[in-house]
Amino acid sequence: MAGLSEGDPVAVVPQFLQTDYGTYGDHVVVPASAVAPRPAEVDPVRAAAVWMAYITAYGPLVESRRVRPGGHVLITAASSSVGLAAIQIARHVGAIPIATTRGPGKRQRLLEAGAAHVIVTDEEDLPARIEEFTGGEGVRPAFDPVAGPGVETLAQGIAPGGFLVVYGALDPRPTPLPKARSFPALNSSTYTLFETPRTPSACAARSRSSTRASAPAPSTPSSTAPSTSRTRRGAPLHGRERAGRQDRRHRHPRGWGLLSPLAPPAGR
């Protein structure tokens, strides 16, 4: 495989279903496009933990160009692994992350994780607090894994021309389109993890940049994170490649550097 030699440490990007390529084992066979060089200072556990959450947030927030410096982004269910990654990515590009959580117990932890503001949805009026935090402008993207009828409440806090991105379905109830009063100012879409890493050109760019970027700080491993391994003779790294959607106008491959959590604001 170009750029790698036998024994080099690597990480596996979540580019495929584990029913297609199993990764729980001492030796695995995966598509070459899903392999990225792992910096020596990044241990295997950390390398396995970061890709799943950070790519899920990176695609709809950064590659889509929905999050920009100085803009506000609403991150619901923010204490999840993807929510925490979204907070760090928003801060990385200079945006202002507004996190939501249902109860007050996680407020301080989310502030320490880098959220500029935290809204406790069981106690506070979500649209009113968004209006307060954004000076009446609203958030440009709302990044939501909950779905269900609550999207109509989220829509009330989104700025004209903004985006509602639903990437999960924690609420099993049907998810309506926001009421007609939100149109045509509101854009809504869904997103799945594979839309970003299944694009071979994007994976290649990340692999090239990963050896030049800094190592990430520790992150909580996910039970679904792919394994990390070393290349070895007799286990060729090849397989099916499935192209997903991408925005070719914007390419921002920062490799491991993008995955480096930023320090929280002073006093948080």
C-alpha atoms as a PDB file:
ATOM      1  CA  MET A   1       0.000   0.000   0.000  1.00  0.00           C
ATOM      2  CA  ALA A   2       1.419   3.385  -1.038  1.00  0.00           C
ATOM      3  CA  GLY A   3       2.877   5.371   1.833  1.00  0.00           C
ATOM      4  CA  LEU A   4       2.938   2.466   4.301  1.00  0.00           C
ATOM      5  CA  SER A   5       5.402  -0.275   5.066  1.00  0.00           C
ATOM      6  CA  GLU A   6       5.063  -3.543   6.939  1.00  0.00           C
ATOM      7  CA  GLY A   7       4.864  -2.814  10.672  1.00  0.00           C
ATOM      8  CA  ASP A   8       3.723   0.805  10.357  1.00  0.00           C
ATOM      9  CA  PRO A   9       1.072   1.770  12.949  1.00  0.00           C
ATOM     10  CA  VAL A  10      -2.275   2.575  11.341  1.00  0.00           C
ATOM     11  CA  ALA A  11      -5.823   3.519  12.262  1.00  0.00           C
ATOM     12  CA  VAL A  12      -8.958   2.339  10.522  1.00  0.00           C
ATOM     13  CA  VAL A  13     -11.459   5.001   9.488  1.00  0.00           C
ATOM     14  CA  PRO A  14     -15.140   3.925   9.845  1.00  0.00           C
ATOM     15  CA  GLN A  15     -15.796   3.685   6.129  1.00  0.00           C
ATOM     16  CA  PHE A  16     -17.709   0.399   6.054  1.00  0.00           C
ATOM     17  CA  LEU A  17     -20.190  -1.758   7.922  1.00  0.00           C
ATOM     18  CA  GLN A  18     -18.646  -4.210  10.345  1.00  0.00           C
ATOM     19  CA  THR A  19     -20.835  -6.875   8.789  1.00  0.00           C
ATOM     20  CA  ASP A  20     -18.726  -6.366   5.648  1.00  0.00           C
ATOM     21  CA  TYR A  21     -15.319  -6.232   7.352  1.00  0.00           C
ATOM     22  CA  GLY A  22     -14.930  -7.418  10.926  1.00  0.00           C
ATOM     23  CA  THR A  23     -12.435  -5.474  13.028  1.00  0.00           C
ATOM     24  CA  TYR A  24     -12.517  -7.276  16.368  1.00  0.00           C
ATOM     25  CA  GLY A  25      -9.407  -9.398  16.064  1.00  0.00           C
ATOM     26  CA  ASP A  26      -5.624  -9.472  16.176  1.00  0.00           C
ATOM     27  CA  HIS A  27      -5.382  -9.308  12.367  1.00  0.00           C
ATOM     28  CA  VAL A  28      -8.017  -7.827  10.072  1.00  0.00           C
ATOM     29  CA  VAL A  29      -8.524  -7.165   6.365  1.00  0.00           C
ATOM     30  CA  VAL A  30     -10.088  -3.791   5.497  1.00  0.00           C
ATOM     31  CA  PRO A  31     -10.297  -1.534   2.399  1.00  0.00           C
ATOM     32  CA  ALA A  32      -7.068   0.335   1.700  1.00  0.00           C
ATOM     33  CA  SER A  33      -9.002   3.611   1.454  1.00  0.00           C
ATOM     34  CA  ALA A  34     -10.087   3.183   5.085  1.00  0.00           C
ATOM     35  CA  VAL A  35      -6.522   3.059   6.435  1.00  0.00           C
ATOM     36  CA  ALA A  36      -4.748   6.150   7.793  1.00  0.00           C
ATOM     37  CA  PRO A  37      -1.215   6.322   9.208  1.00  0.00           C
ATOM     38  CA  ARG A  38      -1.240   6.594  13.001  1.00  0.00           C
ATOM     39  CA  PRO A  39       1.315   8.957  14.570  1.00  0.00           C
ATOM     40  CA  ALA A  40       3.633   7.124  16.941  1.00  0.00           C
ATOM     41  CA  GLU A  41       2.563   9.304  19.874  1.00  0.00           C
ATOM     42  CA  VAL A  42      -1.113   8.297  19.469  1.00  0.00           C
ATOM     43  CA  ASP A  43      -1.896   5.065  21.293  1.00  0.00           C
ATOM     44  CA  PRO A  44      -4.217   2.452  19.718  1.00  0.00           C
ATOM     45  CA  VAL A  45      -7.110   3.046  22.126  1.00  0.00           C
ATOM     46  CA  ARG A  46      -7.152   6.763  21.454  1.00  0.00           C
ATOM     47  CA  ALA A  47      -6.849   6.222  17.715  1.00  0.00           C
ATOM     48  CA  ALA A  48      -9.794   3.819  17.730  1.00  0.00           C
ATOM     49  CA  ALA A  49     -11.954   6.229  19.717  1.00  0.00           C
ATOM     50  CA  VAL A  50     -11.699   9.466  17.782  1.00  0.00           C
ATOM     51  CA  TRP A  51     -12.659   8.731  14.184  1.00  0.00           C
ATOM     52  CA  MET A  52     -16.279   7.607  14.612  1.00  0.00           C
ATOM     53  CA  ALA A  53     -17.462  10.623  16.584  1.00  0.00           C
ATOM     54  CA  TYR A  54     -15.371  13.272  14.876  1.00  0.00           C
ATOM     55  CA  ILE A  55     -16.172  12.266  11.295  1.00  0.00           C
ATOM     56  CA  THR A  56     -19.877  12.175  12.152  1.00  0.00           C
ATOM     57  CA  ALA A  57     -19.652  15.810  13.250  1.00  0.00           C
ATOM     58  CA  TYR A  58     -17.048  16.953  10.705  1.00  0.00           C
ATOM     59  CA  GLY A  59     -19.014  16.116   7.569  1.00  0.00           C
ATOM     60  CA  PRO A  60     -22.237  18.063   8.142  1.00  0.00           C
ATOM     61  CA  LEU A  61     -20.594  20.937  10.012  1.00  0.00           C
ATOM     62  CA  VAL A  62     -17.272  21.625   8.259  1.00  0.00           C
ATOM     63  CA  GLU A  63     -17.277  19.973   4.829  1.00  0.00           C
ATOM     64  CA  SER A  64     -20.774  21.330   4.220  1.00  0.00           C
ATOM     65  CA  ARG A  65     -19.568  24.851   5.124  1.00  0.00           C
ATOM     66  CA  ARG A  66     -22.513  25.283   7.484  1.00  0.00           C
ATOM     67  CA  VAL A  67     -20.317  26.302  10.413  1.00  0.00           C
ATOM     68  CA  ARG A  68     -18.247  29.446  10.013  1.00  0.00           C
ATOM     69  CA  PRO A  69     -16.110  31.609  12.293  1.00  0.00           C
ATOM     70  CA  GLY A  70     -18.221  33.745  14.605  1.00  0.00           C
ATOM     71  CA  GLY A  71     -21.437  31.885  13.843  1.00  0.00           C
ATOM     72  CA  HIS A  72     -23.610  30.104  16.383  1.00  0.00           C
ATOM     73  CA  VAL A  73     -24.259  26.366  16.145  1.00  0.00           C
ATOM     74  CA  LEU A  74     -26.836  24.495  18.229  1.00  0.00           C
ATOM     75  CA  ILE A  75     -25.733  21.013  19.323  1.00  0.00           C
ATOM     76  CA  THR A  76     -28.469  18.927  20.902  1.00  0.00           C
ATOM     77  CA  ALA A  77     -27.847  15.867  23.099  1.00  0.00           C
ATOM     78  CA  ALA A  78     -24.440  17.465  23.468  1.00  0.00           C
ATOM     79  CA  SER A  79     -23.062  15.119  26.125  1.00  0.00           C
ATOM     80  CA  SER A  80     -22.844  12.253  23.607  1.00  0.00           C
ATOM     81  CA  SER A  81     -19.535  11.387  21.960  1.00  0.00           C
ATOM     82  CA  VAL A  82     -20.624  13.064  18.721  1.00  0.00           C
ATOM     83  CA  GLY A  83     -21.985  16.049  20.628  1.00  0.00           C
ATOM     84  CA  LEU A  84     -18.671  16.577  22.407  1.00  0.00           C
ATOM     85  CA  ALA A  85     -16.811  16.213  19.107  1.00  0.00           C
ATOM     86  CA  ALA A  86     -19.149  18.775  17.523  1.00  0.00           C
ATOM     87  CA  ILE A  87     -18.399  21.246  20.325  1.00  0.00           C
ATOM     88  CA  GLN A  88     -14.663  20.886  19.761  1.00  0.00           C
ATOM     89  CA  ILE A  89     -14.957  21.111  15.972  1.00  0.00           C
ATOM     90  CA  ALA A  90     -17.137  24.232  16.214  1.00  0.00           C
ATOM     91  CA  ARG A  91     -14.531  25.871  18.442  1.00  0.00           C
ATOM     92  CA  HIS A  92     -11.764  24.716  16.116  1.00  0.00           C
ATOM     93  CA  VAL A  93     -13.220  26.747  13.244  1.00  0.00           C
ATOM     94  CA  GLY A  94     -14.017  29.734  15.463  1.00  0.00           C
ATOM     95  CA  ALA A  95     -17.758  29.180  15.821  1.00  0.00           C
ATOM     96  CA  ILE A  96     -19.795  29.528  19.018  1.00  0.00           C
ATOM     97  CA  PRO A  97     -21.273  26.196  20.195  1.00  0.00           C
ATOM     98  CA  ILE A  98     -24.572  26.235  22.103  1.00  0.00           C
ATOM     99  CA  ALA A  99     -25.158  22.864  23.775  1.00  0.00           C
ATOM    100  CA  THR A 100     -28.397  21.371  25.038  1.00  0.00           C
ATOM    101  CA  THR A 101     -28.980  18.768  27.711  1.00  0.00           C
ATOM    102  CA  ARG A 102     -32.199  17.605  29.355  1.00  0.00           C
ATOM    103  CA  GLY A 103     -31.135  17.967  32.993  1.00  0.00           C
ATOM    104  CA  PRO A 104     -28.896  20.374  34.939  1.00  0.00           C
ATOM    105  CA  GLY A 105     -26.426  17.687  36.038  1.00  0.00           C
ATOM    106  CA  LYS A 106     -24.362  17.923  32.844  1.00  0.00           C
ATOM    107  CA  ARG A 107     -24.319  21.708  32.462  1.00  0.00           C
ATOM    108  CA  GLN A 108     -20.919  22.298  34.053  1.00  0.00           C
ATOM    109  CA  ARG A 109     -19.277  19.385  32.258  1.00  0.00           C
ATOM    110  CA  LEU A 110     -20.453  20.734  28.916  1.00  0.00           C
ATOM    111  CA  LEU A 111     -19.077  24.176  29.740  1.00  0.00           C
ATOM    112  CA  GLU A 112     -15.778  22.561  30.676  1.00  0.00           C
ATOM    113  CA  ALA A 113     -15.847  20.661  27.370  1.00  0.00           C
ATOM    114  CA  GLY A 114     -15.952  23.962  25.495  1.00  0.00           C
ATOM    115  CA  ALA A 115     -19.612  24.895  25.054  1.00  0.00           C
ATOM    116  CA  ALA A 116     -20.078  28.662  25.115  1.00  0.00           C
ATOM    117  CA  HIS A 117     -23.617  28.263  26.455  1.00  0.00           C
ATOM    118  CA  VAL A 118     -25.709  25.370  27.764  1.00  0.00           C
ATOM    119  CA  ILE A 119     -29.513  25.149  27.616  1.00  0.00           C
ATOM    120  CA  VAL A 120     -31.257  22.735  29.996  1.00  0.00           C
ATOM    121  CA  THR A 121     -34.297  21.836  27.916  1.00  0.00           C
ATOM    122  CA  ASP A 122     -36.365  20.381  30.778  1.00  0.00           C
ATOM    123  CA  GLU A 123     -36.153  23.720  32.603  1.00  0.00           C
ATOM    124  CA  GLU A 124     -35.625  26.421  29.981  1.00  0.00           C
ATOM    125  CA  ASP A 125     -37.425  27.764  26.926  1.00  0.00           C
ATOM    126  CA  LEU A 126     -35.180  26.633  24.080  1.00  0.00           C
ATOM    127  CA  PRO A 127     -36.126  29.231  21.410  1.00  0.00           C
ATOM    128  CA  ALA A 128     -36.018  32.054  23.955  1.00  0.00           C
ATOM    129  CA  ARG A 129     -32.572  31.100  25.204  1.00  0.00           C
ATOM    130  CA  ILE A 130     -31.256  30.769  21.666  1.00  0.00           C
ATOM    131  CA  GLU A 131     -32.565  34.243  20.899  1.00  0.00           C
ATOM    132  CA  GLU A 132     -30.838  35.561  24.016  1.00  0.00           C
ATOM    133  CA  PHE A 133     -27.479  33.913  23.301  1.00  0.00           C
ATOM    134  CA  THR A 134     -27.415  34.905  19.621  1.00  0.00           C
ATOM    135  CA  GLY A 135     -28.658  38.463  20.033  1.00  0.00           C
ATOM    136  CA  GLY A 136     -31.852  37.615  18.183  1.00  0.00           C
ATOM    137  CA  GLU A 137     -30.088  36.217  15.117  1.00  0.00           C
ATOM    138  CA  GLY A 138     -30.671  32.521  15.774  1.00  0.00           C
ATOM    139  CA  VAL A 139     -28.309  29.652  15.034  1.00  0.00           C
ATOM    140  CA  ARG A 140     -27.309  28.949  11.465  1.00  0.00           C
ATOM    141  CA  PRO A 141     -27.046  25.189  11.854  1.00  0.00           C
ATOM    142  CA  ALA A 142     -28.803  23.012  14.416  1.00  0.00           C
ATOM    143  CA  PHE A 143     -27.117  19.600  14.691  1.00  0.00           C
ATOM    144  CA  ASP A 144     -29.604  17.119  16.111  1.00  0.00           C
ATOM    145  CA  PRO A 145     -29.543  13.343  16.810  1.00  0.00           C
ATOM    146  CA  VAL A 146     -32.944  13.266  18.545  1.00  0.00           C
ATOM    147  CA  ALA A 147     -35.460  13.951  15.745  1.00  0.00           C
ATOM    148  CA  GLY A 148     -39.155  13.392  16.546  1.00  0.00           C
ATOM    149  CA  PRO A 149     -41.698  16.186  17.076  1.00  0.00           C
ATOM    150  CA  GLY A 150     -39.061  18.282  18.855  1.00  0.00           C
ATOM    151  CA  VAL A 151     -37.611  19.440  15.537  1.00  0.00           C
ATOM    152  CA  GLU A 152     -40.403  21.994  15.321  1.00  0.00           C
ATOM    153  CA  THR A 153     -39.102  23.613  18.502  1.00  0.00           C
ATOM    154  CA  LEU A 154     -35.558  23.574  17.130  1.00  0.00           C
ATOM    155  CA  ALA A 155     -36.749  25.254  13.944  1.00  0.00           C
ATOM    156  CA  GLN A 156     -37.918  28.261  15.929  1.00  0.00           C
ATOM    157  CA  GLY A 157     -34.324  28.989  16.946  1.00  0.00           C
ATOM    158  CA  ILE A 158     -32.736  28.670  13.495  1.00  0.00           C
ATOM    159  CA  ALA A 159     -31.778  31.829  11.603  1.00  0.00           C
ATOM    160  CA  PRO A 160     -33.388  32.625   8.232  1.00  0.00           C
ATOM    161  CA  GLY A 161     -31.581  30.585   5.617  1.00  0.00           C
ATOM    162  CA  GLY A 162     -30.155  28.317   8.304  1.00  0.00           C
ATOM    163  CA  PHE A 163     -29.971  24.541   8.450  1.00  0.00           C
ATOM    164  CA  LEU A 164     -31.517  21.781  10.503  1.00  0.00           C
ATOM    165  CA  VAL A 165     -29.338  18.654  10.224  1.00  0.00           C
ATOM    166  CA  VAL A 166     -30.790  15.477  11.735  1.00  0.00           C
ATOM    167  CA  TYR A 167     -28.245  12.666  12.102  1.00  0.00           C
ATOM    168  CA  GLY A 168     -30.042  10.278  14.451  1.00  0.00           C
ATOM    169  CA  ALA A 169     -33.420   9.127  15.729  1.00  0.00           C
ATOM    170  CA  LEU A 170     -33.247   8.915  19.517  1.00  0.00           C
ATOM    171  CA  ASP A 171     -36.932   9.840  19.589  1.00  0.00           C
ATOM    172  CA  PRO A 172     -38.766   6.952  17.885  1.00  0.00           C
ATOM    173  CA  ARG A 173     -41.832   9.069  17.115  1.00  0.00           C
ATOM    174  CA  PRO A 174     -42.371  10.342  13.564  1.00  0.00           C
ATOM    175  CA  THR A 175     -40.322  13.378  12.640  1.00  0.00           C
ATOM    176  CA  PRO A 176     -42.382  16.081  10.913  1.00  0.00           C
ATOM    177  CA  LEU A 177     -41.002  18.706   8.618  1.00  0.00           C
ATOM    178  CA  PRO A 178     -40.996  22.004  10.521  1.00  0.00           C
ATOM    179  CA  LYS A 179     -44.246  23.922  10.094  1.00  0.00           C
ATOM    180  CA  ALA A 180     -44.827  25.921   6.958  1.00  0.00           C
ATOM    181  CA  ARG A 181     -44.084  29.160   8.796  1.00  0.00           C
ATOM    182  CA  SER A 182     -40.398  28.148   8.683  1.00  0.00           C
ATOM    183  CA  PHE A 183     -40.303  27.909   4.906  1.00  0.00           C
ATOM    184  CA  PRO A 184     -38.647  28.896   2.652  1.00  0.00           C
ATOM    185  CA  ALA A 185     -36.127  30.275   5.139  1.00  0.00           C
ATOM    186  CA  LEU A 186     -35.232  26.914   6.718  1.00  0.00           C
ATOM    187  CA  ASN A 187     -33.275  24.107   5.062  1.00  0.00           C
ATOM    188  CA  SER A 188     -33.554  20.632   6.559  1.00  0.00           C
ATOM    189  CA  SER A 189     -31.597  17.478   5.794  1.00  0.00           C
ATOM    190  CA  THR A 190     -30.439  14.186   7.227  1.00  0.00           C
ATOM    191  CA  TYR A 191     -26.886  12.904   7.512  1.00  0.00           C
ATOM    192  CA  THR A 192     -25.212   9.538   8.037  1.00  0.00           C
ATOM    193  CA  LEU A 193     -21.625   8.809   9.004  1.00  0.00           C
ATOM    194  CA  PHE A 194     -20.689   7.123   5.729  1.00  0.00           C
ATOM    195  CA  GLU A 195     -21.395  10.189   3.585  1.00  0.00           C
ATOM    196  CA  THR A 196     -17.940  11.588   4.403  1.00  0.00           C
ATOM    197  CA  PRO A 197     -15.455   8.682   4.814  1.00  0.00           C
ATOM    198  CA  ARG A 198     -16.717   6.564   1.919  1.00  0.00           C
ATOM    199  CA  THR A 199     -15.394   9.101  -0.560  1.00  0.00           C
ATOM    200  CA  PRO A 200     -11.971   7.646  -1.545  1.00  0.00           C
ATOM    201  CA  SER A 201     -10.438  11.044  -2.423  1.00  0.00           C
ATOM    202  CA  ALA A 202     -11.386  12.461   0.953  1.00  0.00           C
ATOM    203  CA  CYS A 203      -9.948   9.475   2.790  1.00  0.00           C
ATOM    204  CA  ALA A 204      -6.729   9.716   0.819  1.00  0.00           C
ATOM    205  CA  ALA A 205      -6.383  13.392   1.713  1.00  0.00           C
ATOM    206  CA  ARG A 206      -6.896  12.654   5.398  1.00  0.00           C
ATOM    207  CA  SER A 207      -4.372   9.833   5.292  1.00  0.00           C
ATOM    208  CA  ARG A 208      -1.753  12.077   3.689  1.00  0.00           C
ATOM    209  CA  SER A 209      -2.295  14.837   6.234  1.00  0.00           C
ATOM    210  CA  SER A 210      -2.448  12.645   9.318  1.00  0.00           C
ATOM    211  CA  THR A 211       1.294  12.067   9.508  1.00  0.00           C
ATOM    212  CA  ARG A 212       1.950  15.817   9.484  1.00  0.00           C
ATOM    213  CA  ALA A 213      -0.614  16.870  12.070  1.00  0.00           C
ATOM    214  CA  SER A 214      -0.495  16.897  15.838  1.00  0.00           C
ATOM    215  CA  ALA A 215      -1.820  14.104  18.018  1.00  0.00           C
ATOM    216  CA  PRO A 216      -5.276  14.374  19.643  1.00  0.00           C
ATOM    217  CA  ALA A 217      -5.934  14.604  23.338  1.00  0.00           C
ATOM    218  CA  PRO A 218      -7.633  11.611  25.001  1.00  0.00           C
ATOM    219  CA  SER A 219     -11.192  10.886  23.993  1.00  0.00           C
ATOM    220  CA  THR A 220     -13.727   8.471  25.423  1.00  0.00           C
ATOM    221  CA  PRO A 221     -13.699   5.261  23.349  1.00  0.00           C
ATOM    222  CA  SER A 222     -16.904   4.211  21.657  1.00  0.00           C
ATOM    223  CA  SER A 223     -18.060   0.609  21.767  1.00  0.00           C
ATOM    224  CA  THR A 224     -18.607   0.811  18.000  1.00  0.00           C
ATOM    225  CA  ALA A 225     -15.254   2.372  17.136  1.00  0.00           C
ATOM    226  CA  PRO A 226     -13.198   0.462  14.577  1.00  0.00           C
ATOM    227  CA  SER A 227     -10.012  -1.214  15.650  1.00  0.00           C
ATOM    228  CA  THR A 228      -6.486  -0.014  15.039  1.00  0.00           C
ATOM    229  CA  SER A 229      -3.695  -2.291  13.909  1.00  0.00           C
ATOM    230  CA  ARG A 230      -0.400  -2.519  12.077  1.00  0.00           C
ATOM    231  CA  THR A 231       0.055  -3.447   8.471  1.00  0.00           C
ATOM    232  CA  ARG A 232       1.510  -6.904   7.931  1.00  0.00           C
ATOM    233  CA  ARG A 233       2.592  -9.064   5.055  1.00  0.00           C
ATOM    234  CA  GLY A 234      -0.081 -11.487   3.922  1.00  0.00           C
ATOM    235  CA  ALA A 235      -2.987  -9.261   5.004  1.00  0.00           C
ATOM    236  CA  PRO A 236      -3.557  -6.942   2.025  1.00  0.00           C
ATOM    237  CA  LEU A 237      -5.559  -3.822   2.817  1.00  0.00           C
ATOM    238  CA  HIS A 238      -8.038  -3.726  -0.016  1.00  0.00           C
ATOM    239  CA  GLY A 239     -11.732  -4.160  -0.658  1.00  0.00           C
ATOM    240  CA  ARG A 240     -14.903  -2.475  -1.781  1.00  0.00           C
ATOM    241  CA  GLU A 241     -15.074   1.288  -1.913  1.00  0.00           C
ATOM    242  CA  ARG A 242     -18.416   3.033  -1.824  1.00  0.00           C
ATOM    243  CA  ALA A 243     -18.644   6.646  -2.805  1.00  0.00           C
ATOM    244  CA  GLY A 244     -20.752   8.930  -0.640  1.00  0.00           C
ATOM    245  CA  ARG A 245     -21.819  12.489  -1.167  1.00  0.00           C
ATOM    246  CA  GLN A 246     -19.302  15.264  -0.712  1.00  0.00           C
ATOM    247  CA  ASP A 247     -19.049  18.991  -1.261  1.00  0.00           C
ATOM    248  CA  ARG A 248     -16.151  19.270  -3.707  1.00  0.00           C
ATOM    249  CA  ARG A 249     -16.035  23.049  -3.316  1.00  0.00           C
ATOM    250  CA  HIS A 250     -14.517  22.782   0.146  1.00  0.00           C
ATOM    251  CA  ARG A 251     -11.703  20.502   1.199  1.00  0.00           C
ATOM    252  CA  HIS A 252     -10.341  20.962   4.695  1.00  0.00           C
ATOM    253  CA  PRO A 253      -8.379  17.774   5.527  1.00  0.00           C
ATOM    254  CA  ARG A 254      -6.529  18.379   8.773  1.00  0.00           C
ATOM    255  CA  GLY A 255      -6.122  14.752   9.754  1.00  0.00           C
ATOM    256  CA  TRP A 256      -5.225  14.191  13.400  1.00  0.00           C
ATOM    257  CA  GLY A 257      -4.845  17.916  13.976  1.00  0.00           C
ATOM    258  CA  LEU A 258      -8.569  18.419  13.410  1.00  0.00           C
ATOM    259  CA  LEU A 259      -9.291  15.806  16.038  1.00  0.00           C
ATOM    260  CA  SER A 260      -7.305  17.645  18.711  1.00  0.00           C
ATOM    261  CA  PRO A 261      -9.716  18.957  21.372  1.00  0.00           C
ATOM    262  CA  LEU A 262      -9.230  22.615  22.169  1.00  0.00           C
ATOM    263  CA  ALA A 263      -8.849  23.925  25.674  1.00  0.00           C
ATOM    264  CA  PRO A 264     -12.119  25.306  27.105  1.00  0.00           C
ATOM    265  CA  PRO A 265     -12.523  29.056  27.404  1.00  0.00           C
ATOM    266  CA  ALA A 266     -10.989  30.739  30.424  1.00  0.00           C
ATOM    267  CA  GLY A 267     -13.241  30.536  33.420  1.00  0.00           C
ATOM    268  CA  ARG A 268     -15.408  27.709  32.012  1.00  0.00           C
END
